[in-house]
């Protein structure tokens, strides 16, 4: 039977269970799931994992998954960006269906087995040390930004040869001063006339917000303070998404424990928690509770965490918003995969519709970047290919503004628009930046 009448659900990730790492059991599960996918093929246009699988099966001697070698099984895993879109939007066999198919978490299991065997590459491991890299990058921002700038044939050529980082890929520049150090001088006090006066919100700056681009964070702080909220910006640690992508679940669990311990006292004191980056929100709300199901602090944090756009829409319903000036602009909105994976609907669209005369238009396709996945030489062309439908749709109709809820998708989509022959905008920022502009903040 196809589909289920019950709401989709996800199982706890049994990363501390030895049986989860059994390679024979893992291979059997890969073949079982791949066989279901081969028979269904609805996900053929989501990413390259599925075309790689289907082509391998079609070209095999008997056109069966049983014909595939372990290397061919792994090639499917290597093409997965853990965007979650197959689980969220396409697959009719997700739990509680009898087939019990969670493709992204199966890919995660494969990577966890590889990681446990020491097969995560040195470059992947070091790139995942986000806080260390961010601190070093901000200390030497001038040199780091020169060295990582596209077009620097000397350093980018070396990085491509030594680390496999494609010389064409955008690498986020570093700020001179981390966001949390900028915040005390730049975050305004609560507006006493704001409709939400008396409420408190702690903004969780992810690594990209803290070290690379503080624009969305400052825009969020100003918009929320204008509503009357007391605002603080916190960066206790990286949420662990890059290590999650590597299958390093022990490190992710450690981050979950530390960060939830940091935020729970604030929650108990009446503060809401708002991560700036959709990937961070996804980790706090959904992935951490599956990795640390018995940790009450993790569960508490999950219940009190809101995505930026989600939180503004919630305020609009709970207290109303301060009056917004009209903005007669067409806004192309990229619905980032990790915003969709939070299963909350297109909250950026809802938020931008609150601006009088604004005309937001939604694009529900993956940018193709996939965190650090898309910067590698073996993946960059594939990342551009996957992102082309999104880029084409975003520029259709010549919008006044293009935004994305993912800070890595924005610069990547600029590259894809250019690769499609279009003229990319100077910036593809977060939707909250548009709302801040409407408020003249």
Protein backbone atom coordinates (compact mmCIF):
# COMPACT_ATOMS: atom_id res chain seq x y z
CA UNK A 1 0.00 0.00 0.00
CA UNK A 2 1.26 3.45 -0.92
CA UNK A 3 1.11 6.31 1.52
CA UNK A 4 -0.30 6.54 5.01
CA UNK A 5 -3.24 8.28 6.66
CA UNK A 6 -1.11 9.15 9.69
CA UNK A 7 1.26 12.11 10.09
CA UNK A 8 4.89 11.35 9.17
CA UNK A 9 7.19 10.73 12.08
CA UNK A 10 10.88 10.06 12.68
CA UNK A 11 12.53 7.53 14.91
CA UNK A 12 15.07 8.25 17.61
CA UNK A 13 18.58 7.88 16.14
CA UNK A 14 20.15 4.92 18.01
CA UNK A 15 23.72 6.17 17.62
CA UNK A 16 24.82 4.62 20.93
CA UNK A 17 23.55 1.15 19.94
CA UNK A 18 26.31 -1.13 18.64
CA UNK A 19 23.88 -2.85 16.27
CA UNK A 20 23.39 0.45 14.42
CA UNK A 21 27.02 0.27 13.27
CA UNK A 22 26.87 -3.32 12.00
CA UNK A 23 28.06 -3.07 8.39
CA UNK A 24 26.24 -6.15 7.13
CA UNK A 25 22.96 -4.87 8.59
CA UNK A 26 23.62 -1.43 7.13
CA UNK A 27 24.26 -2.84 3.65
CA UNK A 28 21.09 -4.93 3.87
CA UNK A 29 19.09 -1.84 4.82
CA UNK A 30 20.66 0.21 2.02
CA UNK A 31 19.65 -2.45 -0.50
CA UNK A 32 16.14 -2.71 0.94
CA UNK A 33 15.56 1.04 0.78
CA UNK A 34 17.25 1.45 -2.61
CA UNK A 35 15.00 -1.26 -4.00
CA UNK A 36 11.91 0.62 -2.82
CA UNK A 37 13.27 3.86 -4.30
CA UNK A 38 14.08 2.08 -7.58
CA UNK A 39 10.49 0.87 -7.81
CA UNK A 40 9.00 4.29 -7.01
CA UNK A 41 11.33 6.91 -8.58
CA UNK A 42 9.35 9.95 -7.42
CA UNK A 43 12.53 11.61 -6.19
CA UNK A 44 14.27 11.56 -9.58
CA UNK A 45 14.39 15.38 -9.77
CA UNK A 46 15.30 16.31 -6.19
CA UNK A 47 19.05 15.77 -6.15
CA UNK A 48 21.70 13.61 -7.82
CA UNK A 49 21.51 10.77 -5.29
CA UNK A 50 18.45 9.34 -7.00
CA UNK A 51 19.57 9.64 -10.65
CA UNK A 52 22.89 8.04 -9.62
CA UNK A 53 20.97 5.16 -8.03
CA UNK A 54 18.51 4.72 -10.89
CA UNK A 55 21.20 4.88 -13.58
CA UNK A 56 23.30 2.32 -11.71
CA UNK A 57 20.34 -0.05 -11.46
CA UNK A 58 19.33 0.48 -15.10
CA UNK A 59 22.87 -0.23 -16.29
CA UNK A 60 23.37 -3.32 -14.09
CA UNK A 61 23.27 -6.85 -15.61
CA UNK A 62 19.82 -7.72 -14.26
CA UNK A 63 18.55 -4.20 -13.54
CA UNK A 64 18.32 -5.05 -9.86
CA UNK A 65 19.65 -3.38 -6.72
CA UNK A 66 21.25 -6.70 -5.78
CA UNK A 67 23.64 -6.19 -8.71
CA UNK A 68 25.13 -3.02 -7.23
CA UNK A 69 28.58 -3.05 -5.66
CA UNK A 70 29.32 -1.48 -2.26
CA UNK A 71 31.05 1.36 -4.12
CA UNK A 72 27.87 2.03 -6.08
CA UNK A 73 25.84 2.01 -2.87
CA UNK A 74 28.24 4.55 -1.39
CA UNK A 75 28.07 6.82 -4.45
CA UNK A 76 24.41 7.44 -3.63
CA UNK A 77 25.34 8.41 -0.08
CA UNK A 78 28.11 10.74 -1.25
CA UNK A 79 25.68 12.70 -3.43
CA UNK A 80 23.23 13.31 -0.55
CA UNK A 81 23.26 16.78 1.01
CA UNK A 82 20.94 15.78 3.91
CA UNK A 83 18.47 18.42 2.73
CA UNK A 84 15.56 16.21 3.95
CA UNK A 85 13.39 17.06 0.95
CA UNK A 86 12.80 13.44 -0.07
CA UNK A 87 11.46 12.74 3.41
CA UNK A 88 9.48 15.98 3.65
CA UNK A 89 7.94 16.41 0.22
CA UNK A 90 8.08 13.29 -1.95
CA UNK A 91 8.35 9.92 -0.23
CA UNK A 92 5.03 8.11 0.36
CA UNK A 93 6.73 5.45 2.49
CA UNK A 94 8.00 7.44 5.47
CA UNK A 95 7.16 6.18 8.98
CA UNK A 96 4.60 5.10 10.13
CA UNK A 97 4.20 3.36 6.75
CA UNK A 98 5.10 -0.35 6.88
CA UNK A 99 8.09 0.30 4.60
CA UNK A 100 9.52 2.59 7.33
CA UNK A 101 11.68 4.56 4.91
CA UNK A 102 13.75 7.52 6.13
CA UNK A 103 16.28 8.04 3.35
CA UNK A 104 18.21 11.00 4.86
CA UNK A 105 18.73 9.28 8.20
CA UNK A 106 19.89 6.14 6.38
CA UNK A 107 22.50 8.27 4.62
CA UNK A 108 23.42 9.67 8.03
CA UNK A 109 23.82 6.12 9.39
CA UNK A 110 26.21 5.24 6.56
CA UNK A 111 28.30 8.33 7.30
CA UNK A 112 28.29 7.53 11.02
CA UNK A 113 29.67 4.06 10.27
CA UNK A 114 32.33 5.59 8.03
CA UNK A 115 33.21 8.17 10.66
CA UNK A 116 33.54 5.55 13.36
CA UNK A 117 35.98 3.68 11.11
CA UNK A 118 38.08 6.83 10.71
CA UNK A 119 37.06 7.34 7.07
CA UNK A 120 35.90 10.95 7.34
CA UNK A 121 38.41 12.98 5.35
CA UNK A 122 40.80 15.28 7.17
CA UNK A 123 39.46 18.27 5.23
CA UNK A 124 35.84 17.46 6.11
CA UNK A 125 36.80 17.04 9.76
CA UNK A 126 38.70 20.31 9.92
CA UNK A 127 36.07 22.33 8.06
CA UNK A 128 33.53 21.11 10.61
CA UNK A 129 35.48 22.83 13.44
CA UNK A 130 33.40 25.91 12.88
CA UNK A 131 34.09 27.86 16.05
CA UNK A 132 37.84 27.36 15.86
CA UNK A 133 37.86 28.32 12.19
CA UNK A 134 35.63 31.32 12.85
CA UNK A 135 37.80 32.65 15.66
CA UNK A 136 40.95 32.29 13.57
CA UNK A 137 39.24 33.83 10.55
CA UNK A 138 38.07 36.93 12.40
CA UNK A 139 41.50 37.40 13.98
CA UNK A 140 43.07 37.53 10.52
CA UNK A 141 40.06 38.62 8.46
CA UNK A 142 42.01 40.69 5.95
CA UNK A 143 44.37 37.87 5.02
CA UNK A 144 41.69 35.16 5.22
CA UNK A 145 39.34 37.07 2.93
CA UNK A 146 42.12 37.77 0.44
CA UNK A 147 43.13 34.10 0.42
CA UNK A 148 39.60 32.74 0.00
CA UNK A 149 38.39 35.30 -2.55
CA UNK A 150 37.24 33.73 -5.84
CA UNK A 151 39.64 34.75 -8.56
CA UNK A 152 42.71 34.55 -6.35
CA UNK A 153 44.54 32.13 -8.60
CA UNK A 154 47.39 31.61 -6.16
CA UNK A 155 45.65 30.60 -2.95
CA UNK A 156 42.45 29.16 -4.44
CA UNK A 157 44.52 27.01 -6.79
CA UNK A 158 46.48 25.66 -3.83
CA UNK A 159 43.29 25.05 -1.83
CA UNK A 160 41.80 23.16 -4.77
CA UNK A 161 44.86 20.98 -5.22
CA UNK A 162 45.54 20.30 -1.54
CA UNK A 163 42.07 20.33 0.04
CA UNK A 164 39.80 19.65 -2.93
CA UNK A 165 37.90 22.94 -2.45
CA UNK A 166 36.77 24.08 -5.88
CA UNK A 167 38.39 27.38 -6.86
CA UNK A 168 35.04 28.62 -8.23
CA UNK A 169 33.04 28.01 -5.05
CA UNK A 170 32.03 30.95 -2.89
CA UNK A 171 33.63 30.82 0.56
CA UNK A 172 32.07 33.07 3.20
CA UNK A 173 34.23 36.08 4.11
CA UNK A 174 34.98 36.77 7.76
CA UNK A 175 33.96 39.82 9.77
CA UNK A 176 36.63 41.67 11.75
CA UNK A 177 34.49 41.54 14.91
CA UNK A 178 32.19 38.63 15.86
CA UNK A 179 28.50 39.46 16.04
CA UNK A 180 28.16 38.94 19.80
CA UNK A 181 30.93 41.51 20.35
CA UNK A 182 29.20 43.98 18.03
CA UNK A 183 25.79 43.47 19.60
CA UNK A 184 26.08 45.50 22.86
CA UNK A 185 26.66 48.70 20.89
CA UNK A 186 24.20 47.97 18.07
CA UNK A 187 21.19 46.18 19.57
CA UNK A 188 18.61 48.83 20.49
CA UNK A 189 16.69 48.85 23.77
CA UNK A 190 13.06 47.68 23.76
CA UNK A 191 10.63 50.09 22.18
CA UNK A 192 8.31 50.98 25.09
CA UNK A 193 5.47 51.62 22.62
CA UNK A 194 5.94 48.28 20.86
CA UNK A 195 3.03 45.84 21.00
CA UNK A 196 5.25 43.07 22.43
CA UNK A 197 6.79 45.21 25.16
CA UNK A 198 7.67 43.09 28.18
CA UNK A 199 8.65 39.99 26.22
CA UNK A 200 12.23 38.77 25.92
CA UNK A 201 14.09 36.95 23.15
CA UNK A 202 17.58 35.45 22.99
CA UNK A 203 18.86 35.29 19.42
CA UNK A 204 21.10 32.28 18.83
CA UNK A 205 23.79 33.32 16.38
CA UNK A 206 25.05 30.33 14.45
CA UNK A 207 28.66 30.19 13.28
CA UNK A 208 27.96 31.95 9.98
CA UNK A 209 26.10 34.73 11.81
CA UNK A 210 28.77 35.04 14.48
CA UNK A 211 31.85 35.07 12.28
CA UNK A 212 30.90 35.64 8.65
CA UNK A 213 27.79 37.78 8.20
CA UNK A 214 26.07 39.61 11.04
CA UNK A 215 23.58 41.43 8.80
CA UNK A 216 20.61 39.07 9.43
CA UNK A 217 21.34 39.05 13.15
CA UNK A 218 21.38 42.82 13.49
CA UNK A 219 18.27 43.14 11.31
CA UNK A 220 16.47 40.58 13.50
CA UNK A 221 17.54 42.34 16.69
CA UNK A 222 16.33 45.72 15.41
CA UNK A 223 12.99 44.39 14.17
CA UNK A 224 12.28 42.57 17.43
CA UNK A 225 13.41 45.47 19.63
CA UNK A 226 11.09 47.71 17.58
CA UNK A 227 8.21 45.43 18.59
CA UNK A 228 9.13 46.10 22.23
CA UNK A 229 11.12 42.96 23.01
CA UNK A 230 14.23 42.90 25.12
CA UNK A 231 16.85 41.33 22.83
CA UNK A 232 20.17 39.64 23.47
CA UNK A 233 22.43 37.78 21.01
CA UNK A 234 24.15 34.59 22.17
CA UNK A 235 26.71 32.27 20.61
CA UNK A 236 27.54 29.54 23.15
CA UNK A 237 28.87 27.13 20.51
CA UNK A 238 28.29 25.69 17.02
CA UNK A 239 25.06 23.67 16.71
CA UNK A 240 27.05 20.82 15.15
CA UNK A 241 25.36 20.64 11.75
CA UNK A 242 28.70 20.31 9.88
CA UNK A 243 29.67 17.42 12.18
CA UNK A 244 26.18 15.95 11.75
CA UNK A 245 26.87 15.92 7.99
CA UNK A 246 30.05 13.95 8.74
CA UNK A 247 28.21 11.39 10.88
CA UNK A 248 30.05 12.53 14.02
CA UNK A 249 27.03 12.09 16.27
CA UNK A 250 29.02 11.93 19.50
CA UNK A 251 30.23 15.49 18.84
CA UNK A 252 26.70 16.60 17.94
CA UNK A 253 25.35 15.14 21.17
CA UNK A 254 28.05 16.98 23.11
CA UNK A 255 27.09 20.27 21.44
CA UNK A 256 23.43 19.62 22.21
CA UNK A 257 24.22 19.08 25.87
CA UNK A 258 26.37 22.22 26.19
CA UNK A 259 24.12 24.57 24.26
CA UNK A 260 20.88 23.39 25.86
CA UNK A 261 22.51 23.82 29.30
CA UNK A 262 23.34 27.40 28.27
CA UNK A 263 19.84 28.28 27.11
CA UNK A 264 17.59 26.48 29.60
CA UNK A 265 18.24 29.00 32.43
CA UNK A 266 17.23 31.77 30.01
CA UNK A 267 14.08 29.86 29.05
CA UNK A 268 13.23 29.47 32.73
CA UNK A 269 13.67 33.24 33.10
CA UNK A 270 11.12 33.86 30.33
CA UNK A 271 13.30 34.22 27.24
CA UNK A 272 12.26 32.76 23.86
CA UNK A 273 15.07 31.29 21.72
CA UNK A 274 15.40 32.27 18.04
CA UNK A 275 18.24 30.81 15.94
CA UNK A 276 19.20 33.01 13.01
CA UNK A 277 20.03 30.16 10.63
CA UNK A 278 17.48 27.59 9.47
CA UNK A 279 19.99 24.74 9.84
CA UNK A 280 20.58 25.68 13.48
CA UNK A 281 16.84 25.87 14.11
CA UNK A 282 16.40 22.44 12.53
CA UNK A 283 19.08 20.97 14.78
CA UNK A 284 17.65 22.47 17.98
CA UNK A 285 14.02 21.70 17.20
CA UNK A 286 14.20 18.30 15.52
CA UNK A 287 17.58 16.57 15.19
CA UNK A 288 18.91 17.07 18.74
CA UNK A 289 15.79 15.57 20.37
CA UNK A 290 16.28 12.45 18.21
CA UNK A 291 19.95 12.22 19.19
CA UNK A 292 19.47 13.03 22.90
CA UNK A 293 15.91 11.81 23.61
CA UNK A 294 16.45 11.39 27.36
CA UNK A 295 18.00 14.82 27.91
CA UNK A 296 15.30 17.06 29.38
CA UNK A 297 17.30 20.23 28.71
CA UNK A 298 17.46 19.35 25.01
CA UNK A 299 13.72 18.66 24.94
CA UNK A 300 12.97 21.93 26.77
CA UNK A 301 15.08 23.91 24.32
CA UNK A 302 13.34 22.25 21.37
CA UNK A 303 9.93 23.31 22.72
CA UNK A 304 11.02 26.94 23.13
CA UNK A 305 12.93 27.41 19.87
CA UNK A 306 11.48 29.35 16.93
CA UNK A 307 12.83 30.07 13.48
CA UNK A 308 13.22 33.82 12.74
CA UNK A 309 10.33 34.10 10.27
CA UNK A 310 8.21 31.75 12.37
CA UNK A 311 8.77 33.95 15.42
CA UNK A 312 7.79 37.19 13.69
CA UNK A 313 4.60 35.57 12.35
CA UNK A 314 3.87 34.27 15.85
CA UNK A 315 4.30 37.78 17.29
CA UNK A 316 1.97 39.18 14.65
CA UNK A 317 -0.72 36.76 15.80
CA UNK A 318 -0.06 37.04 19.53
CA UNK A 319 0.50 40.77 20.02
CA UNK A 320 0.35 42.37 16.60
CA UNK A 321 3.29 44.18 15.04
CA UNK A 322 4.26 47.83 15.04
CA UNK A 323 2.87 49.59 11.93
CA UNK A 324 4.88 48.81 8.79
CA UNK A 325 5.37 51.29 5.97
CA UNK A 326 4.18 50.14 2.52
CA UNK A 327 6.80 48.63 0.25
CA UNK A 328 5.59 48.12 -3.30
CA UNK A 329 8.24 45.54 -4.20
CA UNK A 330 8.22 42.12 -5.80
CA UNK A 331 10.21 39.77 -3.56
CA UNK A 332 11.43 36.41 -4.83
CA UNK A 333 11.65 34.12 -1.80
CA UNK A 334 13.83 31.00 -1.82
CA UNK A 335 12.24 28.51 0.59
CA UNK A 336 15.40 26.95 2.02
CA UNK A 337 15.42 23.18 2.50
CA UNK A 338 16.12 23.35 6.23
CA UNK A 339 13.25 25.81 6.65
CA UNK A 340 10.95 23.37 4.84
CA UNK A 341 12.30 20.51 6.96
CA UNK A 342 11.05 22.26 10.10
CA UNK A 343 7.52 21.39 8.94
CA UNK A 344 6.14 24.86 9.78
CA UNK A 345 5.09 26.02 6.33
CA UNK A 346 6.56 28.94 4.34
CA UNK A 347 6.81 31.36 7.25
CA UNK A 348 9.05 33.78 5.31
CA UNK A 349 6.18 34.26 2.86
CA UNK A 350 3.76 34.84 5.72
CA UNK A 351 6.13 37.35 7.28
CA UNK A 352 6.71 39.30 4.07
CA UNK A 353 2.97 39.42 3.35
CA UNK A 354 2.69 41.50 6.52
CA UNK A 355 4.40 44.34 4.63
CA UNK A 356 1.71 46.45 2.93
CA UNK A 357 1.87 46.33 -0.90
CA UNK A 358 4.72 43.79 -0.91
CA UNK A 359 4.39 40.93 -3.39
CA UNK A 360 6.41 37.90 -2.21
CA UNK A 361 6.70 34.96 -4.61
CA UNK A 362 7.85 31.54 -3.42
CA UNK A 363 10.41 29.20 -4.96
CA UNK A 364 10.39 25.71 -3.42
CA UNK A 365 13.51 24.18 -4.94
CA UNK A 366 16.86 23.28 -3.39
CA UNK A 367 19.77 25.66 -3.99
CA UNK A 368 22.05 22.63 -4.33
CA UNK A 369 24.72 23.94 -1.95
CA UNK A 370 24.29 21.47 0.91
CA UNK A 371 26.42 23.13 3.60
CA UNK A 372 30.11 22.44 2.98
CA UNK A 373 29.21 19.66 0.52
CA UNK A 374 28.91 22.01 -2.46
CA UNK A 375 32.33 23.63 -2.16
CA UNK A 376 34.29 20.49 -3.06
CA UNK A 377 35.61 19.92 -6.56
CA UNK A 378 33.75 16.63 -6.95
CA UNK A 379 30.46 18.32 -5.99
CA UNK A 380 30.53 21.92 -7.21
CA UNK A 381 29.25 21.32 -10.75
CA UNK A 382 26.58 19.05 -9.31
CA UNK A 383 25.62 21.77 -6.80
CA UNK A 384 25.22 24.25 -9.66
CA UNK A 385 23.15 21.73 -11.65
CA UNK A 386 20.81 21.02 -8.73
CA UNK A 387 20.39 24.75 -8.04
CA UNK A 388 19.52 25.76 -11.63
CA UNK A 389 15.73 25.26 -11.36
CA UNK A 390 15.64 27.39 -8.20
CA UNK A 391 17.79 30.10 -9.79
CA UNK A 392 15.68 30.19 -12.95
CA UNK A 393 12.47 30.55 -10.96
CA UNK A 394 13.86 33.24 -8.67
CA UNK A 395 14.78 35.60 -11.51
CA UNK A 396 11.61 34.94 -13.49
CA UNK A 397 9.56 38.12 -13.59
CA UNK A 398 12.55 40.34 -12.75
CA UNK A 399 11.87 40.74 -9.00
CA UNK A 400 12.98 43.81 -7.09
CA UNK A 401 14.54 41.71 -4.31
CA UNK A 402 15.66 38.08 -3.96
CA UNK A 403 15.98 36.53 -0.49
CA UNK A 404 16.77 33.15 1.02
CA UNK A 405 16.47 31.89 4.57
CA UNK A 406 19.77 30.01 4.16
CA UNK A 407 22.94 32.13 4.41
CA UNK A 408 24.94 29.71 2.25
CA UNK A 409 22.21 29.29 -0.37
CA UNK A 410 22.13 33.03 -1.11
CA UNK A 411 25.71 33.44 -2.39
CA UNK A 412 25.53 30.07 -4.15
CA UNK A 413 22.32 31.06 -5.93
CA UNK A 414 24.05 34.25 -7.11
CA UNK A 415 26.66 32.03 -8.74
CA UNK A 416 24.01 29.79 -10.27
CA UNK A 417 22.09 32.77 -11.66
CA UNK A 418 25.31 33.96 -13.31
CA UNK A 419 25.97 30.43 -14.62
CA UNK A 420 22.48 30.52 -16.16
CA UNK A 421 23.41 33.72 -18.00
CA UNK A 422 21.49 36.03 -15.68
CA UNK A 423 22.53 39.14 -13.79
CA UNK A 424 22.69 38.24 -10.08
CA UNK A 425 21.69 40.80 -7.47
CA UNK A 426 24.39 42.34 -5.32
CA UNK A 427 23.09 40.37 -2.33
CA UNK A 428 20.64 37.57 -1.60
CA UNK A 429 20.03 38.14 2.09
CA UNK A 430 17.57 36.87 4.70
CA UNK A 431 13.87 37.86 4.47
CA UNK A 432 14.14 39.61 7.84
CA UNK A 433 16.40 42.17 6.16
CA UNK A 434 13.49 43.22 3.94
CA UNK A 435 11.24 43.69 6.96
CA UNK A 436 13.93 45.78 8.66
CA UNK A 437 14.13 47.90 5.50
CA UNK A 438 10.36 48.37 5.51
CA UNK A 439 10.68 49.66 9.08
CA UNK A 440 13.57 51.96 8.01
CA UNK A 441 15.72 50.36 10.70
